Protein backbone atom coordinates (compact mmCIF):
# COMPACT_ATOMS: atom_id res chain seq x y z
CA UNK A 1 -0.23 -3.73 9.44
CA UNK A 2 -2.13 -3.88 6.12
CA UNK A 3 -5.42 -3.24 7.91
CA UNK A 4 -3.95 -0.16 9.62
CA UNK A 5 -2.60 1.08 6.29
CA UNK A 6 -5.97 0.64 4.60
CA UNK A 7 -7.65 2.51 7.48
CA UNK A 8 -5.22 5.44 7.15
CA UNK A 9 -5.74 5.51 3.37
CA UNK A 10 -9.54 5.62 3.77
CA UNK A 11 -9.65 8.20 6.58
CA UNK A 12 -12.13 11.02 6.02
CA UNK A 13 -10.82 13.61 6.26
CA UNK A 14 -7.48 12.27 5.07
CA UNK A 15 -4.47 12.97 7.28
CA UNK A 16 -0.89 12.57 6.01
CA UNK A 17 0.93 9.54 7.34
CA UNK A 18 4.34 7.88 7.14
CA UNK A 19 5.26 4.38 6.04
CA UNK A 20 8.57 3.11 7.44
CA UNK A 21 10.38 0.10 6.00
CA UNK A 22 12.73 -2.33 7.72
CA UNK A 23 15.68 -1.01 5.68
CA UNK A 24 15.21 2.50 7.12
CA UNK A 25 13.44 4.12 4.18
CA UNK A 26 10.42 6.28 4.98
CA UNK A 27 7.66 7.52 2.73
CA UNK A 28 5.52 10.49 3.70
CA UNK A 29 2.09 10.00 2.18
CA UNK A 30 0.45 13.38 1.59
CA UNK A 31 -2.53 12.05 -0.40
CA UNK A 32 -4.36 8.71 -0.55
CA UNK A 33 -3.73 8.78 -4.31
CA UNK A 34 0.01 8.28 -3.73
CA UNK A 35 -0.20 4.76 -2.30
CA UNK A 36 -2.10 1.64 -3.25
CA UNK A 37 -2.27 -2.06 -2.50
CA UNK A 38 -3.63 -4.48 -5.11
CA UNK A 39 -6.75 -6.43 -4.12
CA UNK A 40 -6.03 -8.99 -1.45
CA UNK A 41 -2.68 -7.37 -0.61
CA UNK A 42 -0.90 -9.48 -3.21
CA UNK A 43 1.61 -7.86 -5.49
CA UNK A 44 3.19 -5.55 -2.98
CA UNK A 45 2.73 -2.01 -1.81
CA UNK A 46 3.07 0.70 -4.46
CA UNK A 47 4.04 4.26 -3.56
CA UNK A 48 4.25 7.13 -6.02
CA UNK A 49 7.18 9.41 -5.15
CA UNK A 50 6.37 12.77 -6.81
CA UNK A 51 9.81 14.31 -6.12
CA UNK A 52 11.46 11.57 -8.19
CA UNK A 53 8.52 10.96 -10.55
CA UNK A 54 8.58 7.21 -10.01
CA UNK A 55 6.72 4.39 -8.34
CA UNK A 56 8.40 2.48 -5.54
CA UNK A 57 7.11 -1.09 -5.20
CA UNK A 58 7.90 -2.92 -1.98
CA UNK A 59 6.92 -6.15 -0.26
CA UNK A 60 4.36 -5.38 2.46
CA UNK A 61 6.33 -7.64 4.79
CA UNK A 62 9.10 -4.99 4.76
CA UNK A 63 6.88 -2.41 6.50
CA UNK A 64 8.16 -1.83 10.01
CA UNK A 65 5.59 0.82 10.95
CA UNK A 66 2.80 2.96 9.59
CA UNK A 67 1.24 5.89 11.37
CA UNK A 68 0.26 9.52 11.32
CA UNK A 69 3.05 11.96 10.57
CA UNK A 70 4.15 14.03 13.52
CA UNK A 71 3.10 17.69 13.18
CA UNK A 72 6.30 18.83 14.92
CA UNK A 73 9.14 17.12 13.09
CA UNK A 74 12.69 18.43 13.74
CA UNK A 75 12.84 19.80 10.17
CA UNK A 76 9.68 21.86 10.67
CA UNK A 77 10.68 23.20 14.06
CA UNK A 78 14.07 24.37 12.69
CA UNK A 79 12.40 26.53 10.04
């Protein structure tokens, strides 16, 4: 999962993606500058949440999935 996350972060051109955690939380990553993993993957996964102006730090073992965001989410299609 870490390798896939690093690949998504390094994509050129960058495409937004979503990180889902085992507890149900999801983080939409709109820029590679909003997420980082310390060298070697130790120390957790750090996600900057601009709406709340804080950094969420989570154990990488809590990631349940990581992948490209769907272009047609229910929220977007309702607008």
